[in-house]
N, C-alpha and C. Protein backbone atom coordinates (compact mmCIF):
# COMPACT_ATOMS: atom_id res chain seq x y z
N UNK A 1 32.66 67.06 50.48
CA UNK A 1 32.44 68.09 51.65
C UNK A 1 32.26 67.32 52.78
N UNK A 2 32.93 67.91 54.14
CA UNK A 2 33.11 67.51 55.62
C UNK A 2 31.99 67.83 56.49
N UNK A 3 31.22 66.78 57.05
CA UNK A 3 30.33 67.19 57.82
C UNK A 3 30.47 66.63 58.87
N UNK A 4 29.82 66.54 59.83
CA UNK A 4 29.73 65.94 61.26
C UNK A 4 29.19 64.90 61.24
N UNK A 5 27.93 65.03 61.18
CA UNK A 5 27.05 63.92 60.62
C UNK A 5 26.30 63.93 59.60
N UNK A 6 26.20 62.62 58.66
CA UNK A 6 25.34 62.69 57.78
C UNK A 6 24.22 61.72 57.45
N UNK A 7 22.96 62.44 57.50
CA UNK A 7 21.94 61.05 58.11
C UNK A 7 21.34 60.69 56.31
N UNK A 8 21.09 59.78 55.75
CA UNK A 8 20.91 59.17 54.78
C UNK A 8 19.25 58.47 55.12
N UNK A 9 18.38 59.46 54.45
CA UNK A 9 17.03 59.30 54.52
C UNK A 9 16.32 60.51 55.07
N UNK A 10 15.41 61.28 54.49
CA UNK A 10 14.29 61.99 55.15
C UNK A 10 13.17 61.80 55.51
N UNK A 11 12.61 60.64 56.19
CA UNK A 11 11.42 60.62 56.86
C UNK A 11 11.52 60.80 58.08
N UNK A 12 10.21 60.34 58.78
CA UNK A 12 10.09 60.59 60.45
C UNK A 12 11.43 60.66 61.28
N UNK A 13 12.04 59.58 60.94
CA UNK A 13 13.48 59.35 61.91
C UNK A 13 14.48 60.09 61.53
N UNK A 14 14.91 60.18 60.00
CA UNK A 14 16.21 61.39 59.39
C UNK A 14 16.06 62.45 59.98
N UNK A 15 14.49 63.37 59.82
CA UNK A 15 14.18 64.28 60.19
C UNK A 15 14.10 64.55 61.44
N UNK A 16 13.69 63.94 62.42
CA UNK A 16 13.94 64.13 63.64
C UNK A 16 15.14 64.11 64.58
N UNK A 17 16.12 62.99 63.84
CA UNK A 17 17.62 63.10 64.03
C UNK A 17 18.27 64.59 64.08
N UNK A 18 17.92 64.98 62.36
CA UNK A 18 19.08 66.15 61.85
C UNK A 18 18.12 67.30 63.31
N UNK A 19 16.95 67.03 63.00
CA UNK A 19 16.39 68.36 64.20
C UNK A 19 16.83 68.58 64.86
N UNK A 20 16.67 67.11 66.18
CA UNK A 20 17.36 67.48 67.13
C UNK A 20 19.24 67.74 67.31
N UNK A 21 20.12 67.09 66.37
CA UNK A 21 21.33 67.57 66.05
C UNK A 21 21.70 69.10 65.89
N UNK A 22 20.72 69.65 65.22
CA UNK A 22 20.73 71.12 65.06
C UNK A 22 20.46 71.85 65.98
N UNK A 23 19.41 71.85 66.94
CA UNK A 23 18.98 72.80 67.70
C UNK A 23 19.47 72.67 69.01
N UNK A 24 20.68 71.46 69.04
CA UNK A 24 21.46 72.02 70.03
C UNK A 24 22.37 73.26 69.76
N UNK A 25 22.04 73.81 68.84
CA UNK A 25 23.35 74.87 68.51
C UNK A 25 22.40 76.12 69.39
N UNK A 26 23.36 76.98 70.17
CA UNK A 26 22.96 78.43 70.21
C UNK A 26 22.45 78.43 71.57
N UNK A 27 23.27 77.35 72.58
CA UNK A 27 22.70 76.77 73.83
C UNK A 27 23.77 77.22 74.71
N UNK A 28 24.86 77.94 74.40
CA UNK A 28 26.40 77.52 75.39
C UNK A 28 27.10 76.67 75.40
N UNK A 29 26.66 75.90 74.88
CA UNK A 29 27.38 74.28 74.52
C UNK A 29 28.45 74.66 73.44
N UNK A 30 29.77 74.94 73.49
CA UNK A 30 31.10 75.31 72.94
C UNK A 30 30.98 74.24 71.84
N UNK A 31 31.02 72.51 71.98
CA UNK A 31 31.10 71.54 71.60
C UNK A 31 29.84 71.47 70.30
N UNK A 32 28.81 71.90 70.53
CA UNK A 32 27.73 72.16 69.85
C UNK A 32 27.79 73.32 68.92
N UNK A 33 28.40 73.47 68.93
CA UNK A 33 28.62 75.40 67.96
C UNK A 33 29.22 74.56 66.93
N UNK A 34 29.12 75.56 65.61
CA UNK A 34 29.61 75.27 64.13
C UNK A 34 29.29 73.76 63.59
N UNK A 35 28.73 73.01 64.08
CA UNK A 35 28.45 71.43 63.88
C UNK A 35 27.92 71.74 62.11
N UNK A 36 27.92 70.87 61.09
CA UNK A 36 27.30 70.97 60.11
C UNK A 36 26.91 69.28 59.73
N UNK A 37 25.79 69.23 59.22
CA UNK A 37 24.94 68.51 58.96
C UNK A 37 24.46 68.27 57.42
N UNK A 38 24.43 66.62 57.21
CA UNK A 38 23.99 66.64 55.66
C UNK A 38 22.64 65.76 55.92
N UNK A 39 21.63 65.82 55.37
CA UNK A 39 20.52 64.88 54.92
C UNK A 39 20.55 64.44 53.46
N UNK A 40 20.69 63.65 53.46
CA UNK A 40 21.03 62.93 52.04
C UNK A 40 19.17 62.02 51.53
N UNK A 41 18.19 62.24 50.60
CA UNK A 41 16.85 61.65 50.46
C UNK A 41 16.44 61.90 49.04
N UNK A 42 15.96 60.73 48.89
CA UNK A 42 15.41 60.52 47.10
C UNK A 42 13.91 60.71 47.38
N UNK A 43 13.54 61.61 48.34
CA UNK A 43 12.18 62.05 48.32
C UNK A 43 10.93 61.12 48.36
N UNK A 44 11.49 59.55 48.82
CA UNK A 44 10.14 59.05 48.29
C UNK A 44 9.80 58.05 50.00
N UNK A 45 9.86 58.83 51.08
CA UNK A 45 9.34 58.28 52.08
C UNK A 45 7.82 57.74 51.91
N UNK A 46 7.34 56.97 53.12
CA UNK A 46 6.07 56.40 52.96
C UNK A 46 5.21 57.26 53.38
N UNK A 47 5.79 58.54 54.17
CA UNK A 47 5.02 59.39 54.84
C UNK A 47 4.15 60.37 53.56
N UNK A 48 4.67 60.43 52.86
CA UNK A 48 4.34 60.85 51.73
C UNK A 48 2.64 60.36 50.86
N UNK A 49 2.44 59.26 51.50
CA UNK A 49 1.15 58.57 51.13
C UNK A 49 0.04 58.20 52.83
N UNK A 50 1.15 59.09 53.74
CA UNK A 50 0.20 58.72 54.67
C UNK A 50 -0.73 59.49 54.92
N UNK A 51 -2.16 59.63 55.90
CA UNK A 51 -3.01 60.37 56.47
C UNK A 51 -2.36 60.56 58.17
N UNK A 52 -2.40 61.14 58.58
CA UNK A 52 -2.15 61.15 60.11
C UNK A 52 -3.75 61.56 61.09
N UNK A 53 -3.81 60.72 61.85
CA UNK A 53 -5.23 60.84 62.75
C UNK A 53 -4.81 60.33 64.13
N UNK A 54 -3.51 60.03 64.36
CA UNK A 54 -3.52 59.37 65.81
C UNK A 54 -1.81 59.66 66.13
N UNK A 55 -1.12 60.88 65.62
CA UNK A 55 0.41 61.62 66.11
C UNK A 55 0.00 61.94 67.18
N UNK A 56 0.95 61.90 68.81
CA UNK A 56 0.44 63.08 69.27
C UNK A 56 1.36 64.02 68.67
N UNK A 57 0.17 65.30 69.54
CA UNK A 57 0.63 66.75 69.06
C UNK A 57 0.60 67.07 67.57
N UNK A 58 0.01 66.31 66.60
CA UNK A 58 -0.14 66.51 65.02
C UNK A 58 -1.65 66.39 64.86
N UNK A 59 -2.37 67.83 64.33
CA UNK A 59 -3.58 68.10 64.13
C UNK A 59 -4.22 66.40 63.30
N UNK A 60 -5.40 66.36 63.88
CA UNK A 60 -5.53 64.95 63.27
C UNK A 60 -6.06 65.21 61.69
N UNK A 61 -6.05 64.02 60.87
CA UNK A 61 -5.98 64.46 59.05
C UNK A 61 -5.36 65.27 58.48
N UNK A 62 -3.71 65.53 59.27
CA UNK A 62 -2.75 65.96 58.30
C UNK A 62 -2.26 65.12 57.69
N UNK A 63 -2.09 65.50 56.22
CA UNK A 63 -1.00 64.65 55.62
C UNK A 63 0.62 64.80 56.07
N UNK A 64 1.13 63.20 55.74
CA UNK A 64 2.00 62.86 55.98
C UNK A 64 3.18 63.94 54.75
N UNK A 65 2.62 64.41 53.55
CA UNK A 65 3.83 65.12 52.72
C UNK A 65 3.54 66.52 53.32
N UNK A 66 2.51 67.17 53.64
CA UNK A 66 2.19 68.40 54.45
C UNK A 66 3.19 68.19 55.85
N UNK A 67 3.29 66.97 56.32
CA UNK A 67 4.05 66.96 57.84
C UNK A 67 5.64 67.13 57.37
N UNK A 68 6.12 66.17 56.46
CA UNK A 68 7.51 65.87 55.71
C UNK A 68 7.90 67.69 55.31
N UNK A 69 7.04 68.85 54.85
CA UNK A 69 7.28 69.74 54.56
C UNK A 69 7.56 70.65 55.82
N UNK A 70 6.86 70.61 56.85
CA UNK A 70 6.67 71.15 58.12
C UNK A 70 7.78 71.18 58.79
N UNK A 71 8.25 69.41 58.97
CA UNK A 71 9.49 69.73 59.30
C UNK A 71 10.66 69.42 58.71
N UNK A 72 10.82 69.73 57.65
CA UNK A 72 11.80 70.70 56.61
C UNK A 72 12.55 71.76 57.00
N UNK A 73 10.93 72.45 57.08
CA UNK A 73 11.47 73.86 57.60
C UNK A 73 11.99 73.95 58.66
N UNK A 74 11.01 73.45 60.03
CA UNK A 74 11.43 73.32 61.44
C UNK A 74 12.97 73.52 61.41
N UNK A 75 13.51 71.83 60.49
CA UNK A 75 15.24 71.65 60.89
C UNK A 75 15.62 73.03 60.20
N UNK A 76 15.37 73.66 59.37
CA UNK A 76 16.08 74.96 58.18
C UNK A 76 15.88 76.09 58.88
N UNK A 77 15.07 76.46 59.77
CA UNK A 77 14.67 77.47 60.70
C UNK A 77 16.23 77.61 61.57
N UNK A 78 16.58 76.22 62.41
CA UNK A 78 17.96 75.90 63.22
C UNK A 78 19.06 76.17 62.33
N UNK A 79 19.07 76.08 61.12
CA UNK A 79 20.04 76.23 60.46
C UNK A 79 21.40 75.11 60.76
N UNK A 80 22.40 74.98 60.15
CA UNK A 80 23.49 74.06 59.84
C UNK A 80 23.30 72.90 59.11
N UNK A 81 22.60 72.62 59.06
CA UNK A 81 21.91 71.36 57.79
C UNK A 81 21.67 71.85 56.50
N UNK A 82 22.17 70.96 55.60
CA UNK A 82 22.21 71.28 54.69
C UNK A 82 21.57 69.75 53.70
N UNK A 83 20.36 69.93 52.59
CA UNK A 83 19.46 69.07 52.20
C UNK A 83 20.11 69.01 50.77
N UNK A 84 20.05 67.29 50.57
CA UNK A 84 20.71 66.98 49.33
C UNK A 84 19.81 65.81 49.16
N UNK A 85 18.79 65.84 47.30
CA UNK A 85 18.11 65.09 47.09
C UNK A 85 19.12 64.28 46.07
N UNK A 86 19.24 63.08 47.00
CA UNK A 86 20.45 62.34 45.71
C UNK A 86 20.44 61.52 46.92
N UNK A 87 20.56 60.11 45.81
CA UNK A 87 20.85 58.48 46.30
C UNK A 87 22.07 58.57 47.02
N UNK A 88 22.48 57.65 48.09
CA UNK A 88 23.55 57.54 48.35
C UNK A 88 23.77 55.74 48.22
N UNK A 89 25.13 55.42 47.47
CA UNK A 89 25.33 54.52 46.93
C UNK A 89 26.40 53.51 47.85
N UNK A 90 27.11 53.99 48.96
CA UNK A 90 28.37 53.31 49.33
C UNK A 90 28.40 54.14 50.46
N UNK A 91 28.56 53.82 51.39
CA UNK A 91 29.23 54.15 52.91
C UNK A 91 30.52 53.05 53.03
N UNK A 92 31.78 54.04 53.57
CA UNK A 92 32.88 53.22 53.71
C UNK A 92 33.82 53.88 54.76
N UNK A 93 34.89 53.59 55.46
CA UNK A 93 35.32 54.02 56.61
C UNK A 93 35.15 53.59 58.14
N UNK A 94 35.10 54.66 58.85
CA UNK A 94 35.09 54.53 60.45
C UNK A 94 34.92 55.10 61.03
N UNK A 95 34.09 55.34 62.33
CA UNK A 95 34.39 56.77 62.91
C UNK A 95 35.03 57.57 62.83
N UNK A 96 34.96 59.05 62.69
CA UNK A 96 35.60 59.79 62.14
C UNK A 96 36.24 60.26 60.77
N UNK A 97 35.92 58.97 60.16
CA UNK A 97 36.68 59.34 58.74
C UNK A 97 35.53 58.64 57.75
N UNK A 98 34.49 58.47 58.12
CA UNK A 98 33.15 58.28 57.13
C UNK A 98 33.43 58.80 55.64
N UNK A 99 33.10 57.63 54.47
CA UNK A 99 32.87 58.42 53.20
C UNK A 99 31.79 57.87 52.56
N UNK A 100 30.84 58.76 52.29
CA UNK A 100 29.55 58.88 51.49
C UNK A 100 29.75 59.11 50.06
N UNK A 101 29.23 58.11 49.21
CA UNK A 101 29.35 58.26 47.77
C UNK A 101 27.83 58.14 47.30
N UNK A 102 27.80 59.27 46.22
CA UNK A 102 26.13 59.16 45.81
C UNK A 102 26.26 58.73 44.69
N UNK A 103 24.56 58.41 44.03
CA UNK A 103 24.50 58.24 43.14
C UNK A 103 24.63 59.11 41.61
N UNK A 104 25.35 60.65 42.19
CA UNK A 104 25.27 61.23 41.07
C UNK A 104 27.00 61.46 41.11
N UNK A 105 27.50 60.71 41.88
CA UNK A 105 29.12 60.58 41.70
C UNK A 105 29.74 61.91 43.17
N UNK A 106 28.59 62.54 43.97
CA UNK A 106 29.12 63.08 44.85
C UNK A 106 30.02 62.43 46.15
N UNK A 107 30.96 63.09 46.81
CA UNK A 107 31.55 62.24 47.66
C UNK A 107 31.33 63.49 48.69
N UNK A 108 31.36 62.52 50.33
CA UNK A 108 30.81 63.22 51.56
C UNK A 108 31.81 62.38 52.95
N UNK A 109 32.09 63.57 53.59
CA UNK A 109 33.06 62.65 54.55
C UNK A 109 32.33 63.16 55.91
N UNK A 110 32.64 62.29 57.01
CA UNK A 110 31.70 62.50 58.40
C UNK A 110 32.13 62.05 59.65
N UNK A 111 31.83 61.87 60.42
CA UNK A 111 32.33 61.56 61.54
C UNK A 111 31.70 60.32 62.17
N UNK A 112 30.36 60.77 61.84
CA UNK A 112 29.06 59.40 61.93
C UNK A 112 28.17 59.76 60.85
N UNK A 113 27.74 58.24 60.76
CA UNK A 113 26.54 58.29 59.64
C UNK A 113 25.48 57.46 60.06
N UNK A 114 24.00 58.33 59.36
CA UNK A 114 22.82 57.26 60.61
C UNK A 114 22.12 57.23 59.34
N UNK A 115 22.16 55.77 59.39
CA UNK A 115 20.92 55.31 58.21
C UNK A 115 19.45 55.32 58.75
N UNK A 116 19.06 55.67 57.64
CA UNK A 116 17.27 55.48 58.12
C UNK A 116 16.48 56.11 56.86
N UNK A 117 16.61 54.79 55.88
CA UNK A 117 16.16 54.93 54.48
C UNK A 117 14.66 53.80 54.41
N UNK A 118 13.89 53.59 55.73
CA UNK A 118 12.93 52.66 55.45
C UNK A 118 13.42 51.38 55.40
N UNK A 119 11.99 50.29 55.91
CA UNK A 119 12.23 49.27 55.75
C UNK A 119 11.68 48.62 54.57
N UNK A 120 11.53 49.01 53.42
CA UNK A 120 11.37 48.46 52.00
C UNK A 120 12.62 47.74 51.41
N UNK A 121 13.93 48.14 51.49
CA UNK A 121 14.98 47.50 50.68
C UNK A 121 16.25 48.60 51.56
N UNK A 122 17.32 47.61 51.40
CA UNK A 122 18.81 48.39 51.63
C UNK A 122 19.76 48.23 50.73
N UNK A 123 19.81 49.26 49.71
CA UNK A 123 21.37 48.39 48.34
C UNK A 123 22.07 49.77 48.50
N UNK A 124 22.75 50.19 49.98
CA UNK A 124 23.92 50.93 50.08
C UNK A 124 24.62 49.71 50.32
N UNK A 125 26.11 50.28 49.95
CA UNK A 125 26.98 49.50 49.97
C UNK A 125 27.73 49.64 50.98
N UNK A 126 27.43 48.85 52.19
CA UNK A 126 28.33 49.48 53.55
C UNK A 126 28.72 48.21 54.14
N UNK A 127 30.00 48.26 54.82
CA UNK A 127 30.73 47.34 55.32
C UNK A 127 29.80 47.30 56.78
N UNK A 128 29.98 45.99 57.83
CA UNK A 128 29.45 45.44 58.60
C UNK A 128 28.03 45.87 58.55
N UNK A 129 27.45 45.45 57.70
CA UNK A 129 26.09 45.88 57.91
C UNK A 129 25.15 44.65 57.51
N UNK A 130 24.57 44.07 58.41
CA UNK A 130 23.35 42.36 58.68
C UNK A 130 22.16 42.97 58.20
N UNK A 131 21.83 42.72 57.15
CA UNK A 131 19.90 43.00 56.52
C UNK A 131 19.35 41.79 57.30
N UNK A 132 18.45 41.67 57.90
CA UNK A 132 17.50 41.00 58.36
C UNK A 132 15.94 41.03 58.50
N UNK A 133 15.33 39.92 58.43
CA UNK A 133 13.83 40.27 58.81
C UNK A 133 13.05 41.04 59.74
N UNK A 134 12.24 42.28 59.25
CA UNK A 134 11.92 43.25 60.53
C UNK A 134 10.64 42.69 61.12
N UNK A 135 10.83 41.95 62.37
CA UNK A 135 9.75 40.98 62.95
C UNK A 135 8.59 42.05 63.18
N UNK A 136 8.87 43.43 63.94
CA UNK A 136 7.70 43.98 63.86
C UNK A 136 6.50 44.78 62.62
N UNK A 137 6.76 44.33 61.30
CA UNK A 137 6.06 44.55 60.63
C UNK A 137 5.12 43.98 60.22
N UNK A 138 3.92 44.42 60.18
CA UNK A 138 2.76 43.52 60.01
C UNK A 138 2.49 42.90 58.50
N UNK A 139 3.17 43.53 57.72
CA UNK A 139 3.52 42.65 56.18
C UNK A 139 5.33 42.01 56.25
N UNK A 140 4.88 41.30 55.26
CA UNK A 140 5.89 40.82 55.14
C UNK A 140 6.99 40.81 54.08
N UNK A 141 8.33 40.44 54.46
CA UNK A 141 9.23 40.96 52.91
C UNK A 141 9.94 42.33 53.28
N UNK A 142 9.68 42.89 54.93
CA UNK A 142 10.12 44.14 55.47
C UNK A 142 11.47 43.63 56.04
N UNK A 143 12.34 44.69 56.05
CA UNK A 143 13.27 44.64 56.37
C UNK A 143 14.55 45.22 57.89
N UNK A 144 15.36 44.81 58.28
CA UNK A 144 15.97 45.50 59.26
C UNK A 144 17.66 45.80 59.33
N UNK A 145 18.29 46.37 59.57
CA UNK A 145 19.69 46.51 59.91
C UNK A 145 19.74 45.88 61.92
N UNK A 146 20.39 44.73 61.97
CA UNK A 146 20.97 44.65 63.30
C UNK A 146 21.55 45.62 63.71
N UNK A 147 21.43 45.60 65.36
CA UNK A 147 21.94 46.99 66.06
C UNK A 147 22.61 46.32 67.07
N UNK A 148 23.19 46.86 68.24
CA UNK A 148 23.65 46.73 69.29
C UNK A 148 22.17 46.64 70.44
N UNK A 149 20.55 47.39 70.06
CA UNK A 149 19.72 47.49 70.99
C UNK A 149 19.87 48.77 71.31
N UNK A 150 20.89 49.56 70.74
CA UNK A 150 20.59 51.09 70.81
C UNK A 150 21.11 51.76 69.81
N UNK A 151 20.65 51.15 68.89
CA UNK A 151 20.50 51.63 67.18
C UNK A 151 22.10 52.03 66.80
N UNK A 152 23.07 51.44 67.59
CA UNK A 152 24.27 51.43 66.91
C UNK A 152 24.70 50.19 66.12
N UNK A 153 24.97 50.24 64.83
CA UNK A 153 25.34 49.19 64.28
C UNK A 153 26.81 49.13 64.25
N UNK A 154 27.73 49.75 64.21
CA UNK A 154 29.16 49.77 65.02
C UNK A 154 29.58 51.14 65.23
N UNK A 155 30.83 51.26 65.47
CA UNK A 155 31.38 52.80 65.92
C UNK A 155 31.24 53.40 65.21
N UNK A 156 30.31 54.52 65.30
CA UNK A 156 30.25 55.85 64.76
C UNK A 156 29.02 55.40 63.65
N UNK A 157 28.11 54.26 63.44
CA UNK A 157 27.23 54.18 62.34
C UNK A 157 26.35 53.37 63.25
N UNK A 158 25.11 54.43 62.64
CA UNK A 158 23.78 54.17 63.66
C UNK A 158 22.47 53.89 62.34
N UNK A 159 21.48 53.45 62.83
CA UNK A 159 20.60 53.18 61.91
C UNK A 159 19.35 53.48 62.81
N UNK A 160 18.40 53.92 62.33
CA UNK A 160 17.13 54.70 62.88
C UNK A 160 16.15 54.72 62.56
N UNK A 161 14.47 54.04 62.63
CA UNK A 161 13.33 54.59 62.11
C UNK A 161 12.94 52.83 62.07
N UNK A 162 12.69 53.10 60.85
CA UNK A 162 12.14 50.98 60.96
C UNK A 162 12.65 50.51 59.98
N UNK A 163 13.94 50.78 60.09
CA UNK A 163 15.15 50.14 59.26
C UNK A 163 16.20 49.76 60.57
N UNK A 164 15.53 50.24 61.40
CA UNK A 164 16.14 50.07 62.84
C UNK A 164 15.48 48.99 63.58
N UNK A 165 14.31 48.94 63.14
CA UNK A 165 13.54 47.53 63.28
C UNK A 165 12.31 48.03 64.69
N UNK A 166 11.83 49.56 64.53
CA UNK A 166 10.69 49.93 65.63
C UNK A 166 9.52 49.60 64.51
N UNK A 167 8.35 49.96 65.42
CA UNK A 167 7.03 49.94 65.02
C UNK A 167 6.80 50.42 63.44
N UNK A 168 6.08 50.50 62.75
CA UNK A 168 5.64 51.21 61.77
C UNK A 168 4.42 52.11 62.30
N UNK A 169 4.93 53.31 62.63
CA UNK A 169 4.16 54.63 63.38
C UNK A 169 4.91 55.37 63.47
N UNK A 170 4.48 56.52 63.10
CA UNK A 170 5.49 58.20 63.55
C UNK A 170 6.08 58.30 64.50
N UNK A 171 5.40 58.16 65.64
CA UNK A 171 5.96 58.20 66.78
C UNK A 171 7.30 57.90 67.42
N UNK A 172 6.69 56.49 67.03
CA UNK A 172 8.34 55.38 67.18
C UNK A 172 9.67 55.50 66.22
N UNK A 173 9.41 55.92 64.87
CA UNK A 173 10.11 56.43 63.91
C UNK A 173 10.51 57.27 64.14
N UNK A 174 9.76 58.20 65.00
CA UNK A 174 10.60 59.93 65.20
C UNK A 174 11.35 59.89 66.21
N UNK A 175 11.03 59.03 67.29
CA UNK A 175 11.67 59.14 68.60
C UNK A 175 12.92 58.22 68.28
N UNK A 176 12.78 57.11 67.46
CA UNK A 176 14.15 56.54 67.56
C UNK A 176 15.34 57.54 66.62
N UNK A 177 15.14 58.18 65.70
CA UNK A 177 15.92 59.41 65.08
C UNK A 177 16.39 60.41 66.38
N UNK A 178 15.56 60.90 66.87
CA UNK A 178 15.38 61.80 68.38
C UNK A 178 17.08 60.86 69.33
N UNK A 179 17.09 59.54 69.63
CA UNK A 179 17.33 58.74 70.32
C UNK A 179 19.05 58.82 70.03
N UNK A 180 18.75 58.29 68.55
CA UNK A 180 20.54 58.58 67.66
C UNK A 180 21.07 59.87 68.10
N UNK A 181 20.22 60.87 67.77
CA UNK A 181 20.77 62.41 68.16
C UNK A 181 21.43 62.75 69.13
N UNK A 182 20.61 62.44 70.12
CA UNK A 182 20.92 62.55 71.46
C UNK A 182 22.10 61.51 71.82
N UNK A 183 22.12 60.26 71.64
CA UNK A 183 23.84 59.70 71.58
C UNK A 183 24.82 60.35 70.90
N UNK A 184 24.77 60.42 70.13
CA UNK A 184 25.73 61.46 69.03
C UNK A 184 26.47 62.82 70.14
N UNK A 185 24.95 63.51 70.55
CA UNK A 185 25.41 64.94 71.41
C UNK A 185 26.03 64.50 72.83
N UNK A 186 25.61 63.37 73.40
CA UNK A 186 25.89 62.67 74.48
C UNK A 186 27.73 62.67 74.66
N UNK A 187 28.04 61.84 73.25
CA UNK A 187 29.66 61.69 73.08
C UNK A 187 30.21 62.43 73.19
N UNK A 188 29.83 63.95 72.04
CA UNK A 188 30.68 64.92 71.62
C UNK A 188 30.45 65.87 73.61
N UNK A 189 29.63 65.77 74.20
CA UNK A 189 29.47 66.41 75.41
C UNK A 189 30.62 65.64 76.63
N UNK A 190 30.47 64.27 76.34
CA UNK A 190 31.88 63.69 77.45
C UNK A 190 30.07 63.43 78.63
N UNK A 191 29.11 63.29 78.32
CA UNK A 191 28.30 63.15 79.20
C UNK A 191 26.74 62.90 78.60
N UNK A 192 25.99 62.54 79.44
CA UNK A 192 24.68 62.72 79.18
C UNK A 192 23.40 63.79 78.65
N UNK A 193 23.23 64.25 77.64
CA UNK A 193 22.50 65.59 77.33
C UNK A 193 21.17 65.26 77.20
N UNK A 194 20.63 66.24 77.40
CA UNK A 194 18.91 66.28 76.45
C UNK A 194 18.73 67.56 76.03
N UNK A 195 17.95 68.65 75.22
CA UNK A 195 17.78 69.23 74.63
C UNK A 195 16.49 69.87 74.87
N UNK A 196 16.44 70.42 75.92
CA UNK A 196 15.44 71.01 76.40
C UNK A 196 15.19 72.39 76.28
N UNK A 197 14.15 73.11 76.01
CA UNK A 197 13.58 74.73 76.42
C UNK A 197 12.83 74.93 77.39
N UNK A 198 12.27 75.76 78.32
CA UNK A 198 11.54 76.58 78.86
C UNK A 198 11.39 77.82 78.57
N UNK A 199 10.11 78.16 78.93
CA UNK A 199 9.48 79.47 78.75
C UNK A 199 10.35 80.16 79.49
N UNK A 200 10.68 81.97 79.11
CA UNK A 200 11.14 82.80 79.60
C UNK A 200 10.30 83.19 81.00
N UNK A 201 11.09 83.65 81.84
CA UNK A 201 10.03 83.85 83.43
C UNK A 201 9.48 85.11 83.00
N UNK A 202 8.37 85.57 83.70
CA UNK A 202 7.84 87.00 83.39
C UNK A 202 8.54 87.54 84.44
């Protein structure tokens, strides 16, 4: 199946990325309409073991697993995003013609791919990816993927969240996913964009 963007990883950064992408629909931007997105996830996000007490705007004492569900529901309300609980094993191709293969033997194609699988391991076969030590992690043995400083690994291939080397905090991980989405939307628009809403006038 063909998608515009495939996001691999459904934690803070992956969900924030697809939420931002999907929320560009219905705003009169012709280039944003009818876009299709896929989020591939194994269900093993570290958020499942988290208790949040210092996340901006999130009620103190919120369990990570509950926030994951809330974020997924928020994404689904915008539409245009398919969720699949399956492991990606290979990413090949280039911008405009990426091919993603799943452990179950399924194949998907897309214009862009976003890697957001966390900092524990990276075992997806993917050309042009260099895995290095995550120097922002307080725990040894954590990894990241080298990028250009703006989360771009190579043309069309982005990395987000802890795998991009941001600190292991919800807000930083989510923010990197949002930035990747904005960069992709800006490419389609041909100029910098943001996705803002304002309340209706009285």
